[in-house]
Amino acid sequence: MLSMILLQALAGVSLAKLGACIGAGLAAVGAGIGIGKIGSSAMEAIARQPESMSDIRNNMIVIAALVEGVALFAVIVCVLAIFI
């Protein structure tokens, strides 16, 4: 059943477009997992040392922004692969 759906999907879409879509999805999922781990680790660090909450929070925001930037770059590369 699944192979029939995949074959029908591949009949109308080139392999590059399918790969770009999978790549964009993986980049988004990877960024979500990474930012989740950053938030989890920051909460644990704040629980251990509440007095350094502002430093931990600032570092967490910077690192999350960097991860999000890399994910956005990956999604843009995957979208460009569709058109090139």
Protein backbone atom coordinates (compact mmCIF):
# COMPACT_ATOMS: atom_id res chain seq x y z
CA MET A 1 0.00 0.00 0.00
CA LEU A 2 2.72 2.45 1.00
CA SER A 3 4.82 1.56 -2.03
CA MET A 4 1.88 2.33 -4.32
CA ILE A 5 1.47 5.76 -2.75
CA LEU A 6 5.18 6.45 -3.10
CA LEU A 7 5.20 5.35 -6.72
CA GLN A 8 2.26 7.61 -7.52
CA ALA A 9 3.95 10.50 -5.72
CA LEU A 10 7.18 9.93 -7.62
CA ALA A 11 5.40 9.77 -10.96
CA GLY A 12 4.47 13.45 -10.84
CA VAL A 13 7.45 14.82 -8.92
CA SER A 14 11.10 14.73 -9.84
CA LEU A 15 13.53 13.12 -7.45
CA ALA A 16 15.24 16.45 -6.72
CA LYS A 17 11.98 18.00 -5.55
CA LEU A 18 11.23 15.02 -3.35
CA GLY A 19 14.72 15.17 -1.85
CA ALA A 20 14.39 18.91 -1.25
CA CYS A 21 11.12 18.42 0.58
CA ILE A 22 12.59 15.68 2.75
CA GLY A 23 15.65 17.82 3.45
CA ALA A 24 13.54 20.81 4.49
CA GLY A 25 11.50 18.60 6.80
CA LEU A 26 14.58 17.08 8.39
CA ALA A 27 16.08 20.55 8.92
CA ALA A 28 12.92 21.74 10.67
CA VAL A 29 12.71 18.63 12.86
CA GLY A 30 16.40 18.86 13.73
CA ALA A 31 16.07 22.51 14.72
CA GLY A 32 13.06 21.71 16.90
CA ILE A 33 14.90 18.93 18.69
CA GLY A 34 17.99 21.11 19.14
CA ILE A 35 16.09 24.07 20.57
CA GLY A 36 14.16 21.73 22.85
CA LYS A 37 17.41 20.34 24.23
CA ILE A 38 18.77 23.86 24.70
CA GLY A 39 15.68 24.87 26.67
CA SER A 40 15.76 21.72 28.75
CA SER A 41 19.42 22.16 29.64
CA ALA A 42 18.88 25.82 30.47
CA MET A 43 16.02 24.98 32.83
CA GLU A 44 18.17 22.38 34.59
CA ALA A 45 21.02 24.87 34.91
CA ILE A 46 18.70 27.54 36.31
CA ALA A 47 17.31 25.01 38.81
CA ARG A 48 20.85 24.25 40.00
CA GLN A 49 22.03 27.86 40.15
CA PRO A 50 19.11 30.29 40.34
CA GLU A 51 21.41 33.25 40.96
CA SER A 52 22.85 33.02 37.43
CA MET A 53 19.47 32.92 35.72
CA SER A 54 19.99 36.02 33.57
CA ASP A 55 23.35 34.79 32.20
CA ILE A 56 21.94 31.37 31.40
CA ARG A 57 18.85 32.87 29.75
CA ASN A 58 20.93 35.22 27.59
CA ASN A 59 23.20 32.41 26.46
CA MET A 60 20.20 30.20 25.74
CA ILE A 61 18.62 32.86 23.52
CA VAL A 62 21.84 33.39 21.56
CA ILE A 63 22.39 29.66 21.00
CA ALA A 64 18.74 29.10 20.02
CA ALA A 65 19.02 31.94 17.49
CA LEU A 66 22.13 30.35 15.99
CA VAL A 67 20.40 26.97 15.69
CA GLU A 68 17.37 28.61 14.11
CA GLY A 69 19.62 30.45 11.64
CA VAL A 70 21.27 27.23 10.55
CA ALA A 71 17.86 25.58 10.14
CA LEU A 72 16.61 28.49 8.06
CA PHE A 73 19.71 28.27 5.88
CA ALA A 74 19.11 24.54 5.36
CA VAL A 75 15.48 25.08 4.42
CA ILE A 76 16.44 27.82 1.94
CA VAL A 77 19.05 25.55 0.34
CA CYS A 78 16.41 22.81 0.00
CA VAL A 79 13.94 25.22 -1.57
CA LEU A 80 16.60 26.47 -3.99
CA ALA A 81 17.31 22.88 -4.97
CA ILE A 82 13.76 22.72 -6.29
CA PHE A 83 14.29 25.64 -8.67
CA ILE A 84 17.88 25.02 -9.77
